[in-house]
Amino acid sequence: MTIRNIVLVGPMGAGKSTIGKQLAASLDFNFVDVDQHIVNQAGADIPWIFHKEGEDGFRKRETLSLQQSLLHDHTVIATGGGIITRKENVKLLNQAKFVVYLQAEVETQFKRTGKDKNRPLLQEADPRQKLAELMKHRSPLYDLVADLSVSTDDFSVKEVVNTIASHWQGLA
């Protein structure tokens, strides 16, 4: 089996977009941010999509975006934190190999996302508690699809990129 793409999964604030861009540049790959792809396709931001279509509507758009992104070779794909909540997406991720789970502790996630108004699931009285709830539910799902897990808590973007790239090159 030829491994064509690298898919980054993990919670909000783990660094999927930032790391994905730099990883793609270091490997001379294309880069797709699933959330940004959805925004471009919809012509509206994620909070608006959540408001008008609900989370289910957004998740359907997310599945379509993932399917489209996986059609291209030599692409680093940064997914949204909730991508693993739909069975269709888990199936796509299991077929996509090479999937990297970018791990981040709840406190790290909160520091990186706590005041971000573009994250509809965090627009609650206690975003830290919401992040903890999401982690409890989603962490086992990330583990199920991951071929490699890398913590982003105490490592620089460059260190994480180098770790992923070295694993990738060992597979290629």
Protein backbone atom coordinates (compact mmCIF):
# COMPACT_ATOMS: atom_id res chain seq x y z
CA MET A 1 0.00 0.00 0.00
CA THR A 2 1.32 3.39 -0.95
CA ILE A 3 0.82 6.01 1.72
CA ARG A 4 -0.20 9.19 -0.04
CA ASN A 5 -1.17 11.67 2.65
CA ILE A 6 -0.63 12.65 6.25
CA VAL A 7 -3.78 13.41 8.24
CA LEU A 8 -3.54 15.31 11.52
CA VAL A 9 -6.19 14.68 14.16
CA GLY A 10 -6.50 15.88 17.73
CA PRO A 11 -8.34 18.30 19.99
CA MET A 12 -8.84 22.00 19.51
CA GLY A 13 -5.63 23.84 20.25
CA ALA A 14 -3.30 20.90 19.61
CA GLY A 15 -1.70 22.79 16.72
CA LYS A 16 -3.03 20.85 13.74
CA SER A 17 -3.17 23.85 11.39
CA THR A 18 0.12 25.41 12.48
CA ILE A 19 2.02 22.13 12.46
CA GLY A 20 0.28 21.00 9.27
CA LYS A 21 1.43 24.05 7.31
CA GLN A 22 5.03 23.65 8.41
CA LEU A 23 5.00 19.88 7.91
CA ALA A 24 3.66 20.31 4.38
CA ALA A 25 6.35 22.89 3.61
CA SER A 26 9.11 20.65 5.00
CA LEU A 27 7.98 17.67 2.90
CA ASP A 28 7.05 19.74 -0.18
CA PHE A 29 3.44 18.57 0.16
CA ASN A 30 0.18 20.45 -0.37
CA PHE A 31 -1.69 21.57 2.72
CA VAL A 32 -5.45 21.44 3.36
CA ASP A 33 -7.12 22.69 6.51
CA VAL A 34 -10.53 20.98 6.56
CA ASP A 35 -12.13 23.80 8.58
CA GLN A 36 -10.79 26.45 6.20
CA HIS A 37 -11.94 24.39 3.22
CA ILE A 38 -15.45 24.30 4.71
CA VAL A 39 -15.40 28.09 5.23
CA ASN A 40 -14.25 28.63 1.64
CA GLN A 41 -16.90 26.28 0.24
CA ALA A 42 -19.71 27.73 2.36
CA GLY A 43 -18.71 31.35 2.04
CA ALA A 44 -19.40 31.69 5.76
CA ASP A 45 -17.49 31.22 8.99
CA ILE A 46 -17.86 28.20 11.25
CA PRO A 47 -19.93 29.97 13.96
CA TRP A 48 -22.45 31.00 11.26
CA ILE A 49 -22.62 27.42 9.92
CA PHE A 50 -23.19 26.08 13.45
CA HIS A 51 -25.88 28.73 14.03
CA LYS A 52 -27.75 28.05 10.76
CA GLU A 53 -27.18 24.32 10.27
CA GLY A 54 -26.34 23.08 13.75
CA GLU A 55 -23.44 20.83 14.60
CA ASP A 56 -24.86 18.03 12.45
CA GLY A 57 -24.89 20.27 9.37
CA PHE A 58 -21.32 21.27 10.03
CA ARG A 59 -20.25 17.63 10.52
CA LYS A 60 -21.80 16.69 7.16
CA ARG A 61 -19.78 19.45 5.51
CA GLU A 62 -16.71 18.17 7.37
CA THR A 63 -17.15 14.65 5.96
CA LEU A 64 -17.45 15.98 2.42
CA SER A 65 -14.36 18.16 2.89
CA LEU A 66 -12.35 15.19 4.24
CA GLN A 67 -13.46 13.01 1.32
CA GLN A 68 -12.41 15.67 -1.17
CA SER A 69 -9.09 16.29 0.57
CA LEU A 70 -8.17 12.61 0.58
CA LEU A 71 -8.47 12.46 -3.22
CA HIS A 72 -5.21 14.38 -3.59
CA ASP A 73 -1.77 12.84 -3.20
CA HIS A 74 1.09 14.30 -1.19
CA THR A 75 -1.13 16.38 1.05
CA VAL A 76 -1.01 17.16 4.75
CA ILE A 77 -4.60 17.42 5.97
CA ALA A 78 -5.40 19.23 9.22
CA THR A 79 -8.80 18.15 10.50
CA GLY A 80 -11.14 19.71 13.02
CA GLY A 81 -11.18 18.36 16.56
CA GLY A 82 -14.57 16.70 16.15
CA ILE A 83 -13.86 14.90 12.89
CA ILE A 84 -13.69 11.55 14.69
CA THR A 85 -17.22 11.86 16.08
CA ARG A 86 -18.82 10.54 12.87
CA LYS A 87 -18.45 6.89 11.89
CA GLU A 88 -18.07 7.86 8.22
CA ASN A 89 -15.03 9.95 9.10
CA VAL A 90 -13.46 7.22 11.23
CA LYS A 91 -13.79 4.87 8.28
CA LEU A 92 -12.17 7.44 5.96
CA LEU A 93 -9.37 8.04 8.47
CA ASN A 94 -8.74 4.31 8.84
CA GLN A 95 -8.35 4.07 5.07
CA ALA A 96 -6.22 7.21 4.83
CA LYS A 97 -3.09 6.00 6.62
CA PHE A 98 -0.84 7.89 7.84
CA VAL A 99 -2.85 9.49 10.67
CA VAL A 100 -1.07 11.48 13.37
CA TYR A 101 -2.77 12.26 16.68
CA LEU A 102 -1.49 15.58 17.98
CA GLN A 103 -2.02 15.40 21.71
CA ALA A 104 -2.46 18.37 24.02
CA GLU A 105 -3.48 18.51 27.66
CA VAL A 106 -6.71 20.35 28.50
CA GLU A 107 -4.77 23.20 30.12
CA THR A 108 -2.70 23.67 26.95
CA GLN A 109 -5.86 23.63 24.84
CA PHE A 110 -7.48 26.19 27.09
CA LYS A 111 -4.49 28.53 26.91
CA ARG A 112 -4.53 28.30 23.10
CA THR A 113 -8.30 28.47 22.50
CA GLY A 114 -10.10 29.77 25.60
CA LYS A 115 -10.87 33.21 24.20
CA ASP A 116 -11.33 32.20 20.55
CA LYS A 117 -14.82 33.27 19.41
CA ASN A 118 -14.56 31.13 16.24
CA ARG A 119 -14.98 27.91 18.24
CA PRO A 120 -18.72 27.40 18.71
CA LEU A 121 -18.36 24.49 21.13
CA LEU A 122 -16.40 26.70 23.53
CA GLN A 123 -18.95 29.51 23.75
CA GLU A 124 -20.03 28.39 27.20
CA ALA A 125 -19.66 29.68 30.74
CA ASP A 126 -16.79 27.25 31.42
CA PRO A 127 -14.81 26.50 28.25
CA ARG A 128 -12.13 24.63 30.24
CA GLN A 129 -14.77 22.18 31.49
CA LYS A 130 -16.10 21.76 27.94
CA LEU A 131 -12.58 20.97 26.69
CA ALA A 132 -12.22 18.36 29.46
CA GLU A 133 -15.55 16.75 28.50
CA LEU A 134 -14.60 16.68 24.83
CA MET A 135 -11.21 15.15 25.64
CA LYS A 136 -12.75 12.42 27.78
CA HIS A 137 -15.08 11.43 24.96
CA ARG A 138 -12.77 11.94 21.98
CA SER A 139 -9.35 10.81 23.19
CA PRO A 140 -10.09 7.08 22.77
CA LEU A 141 -11.38 7.79 19.26
CA TYR A 142 -8.20 9.64 18.29
CA ASP A 143 -6.21 6.68 19.62
CA LEU A 144 -8.23 4.29 17.44
CA VAL A 145 -7.35 6.03 14.18
CA ALA A 146 -3.79 7.11 14.97
CA ASP A 147 -0.72 5.54 13.44
CA LEU A 148 1.47 7.90 15.46
CA SER A 149 0.79 10.04 18.55
CA VAL A 150 2.85 13.13 19.31
CA SER A 151 2.45 15.51 22.25
CA THR A 152 2.48 19.21 21.39
CA ASP A 153 2.47 20.44 25.01
CA ASP A 154 6.18 20.85 25.66
CA PHE A 155 7.68 20.72 22.18
CA SER A 156 8.21 23.43 19.58
CA VAL A 157 6.39 23.30 16.26
CA LYS A 158 9.73 22.47 14.61
CA GLU A 159 10.34 19.55 16.98
CA VAL A 160 6.88 18.11 16.32
CA VAL A 161 7.28 18.58 12.55
CA ASN A 162 10.67 16.85 12.64
CA THR A 163 9.24 13.92 14.64
CA ILE A 164 6.38 13.41 12.19
CA ALA A 165 8.62 13.88 9.14
CA SER A 166 11.13 11.31 10.38
CA HIS A 167 8.37 8.74 10.94
CA TRP A 168 6.90 9.54 7.53
CA GLN A 169 10.24 9.11 5.80
CA GLY A 170 10.64 5.75 7.51
CA LEU A 171 7.38 4.64 5.88
CA ALA A 172 7.90 6.12 2.42
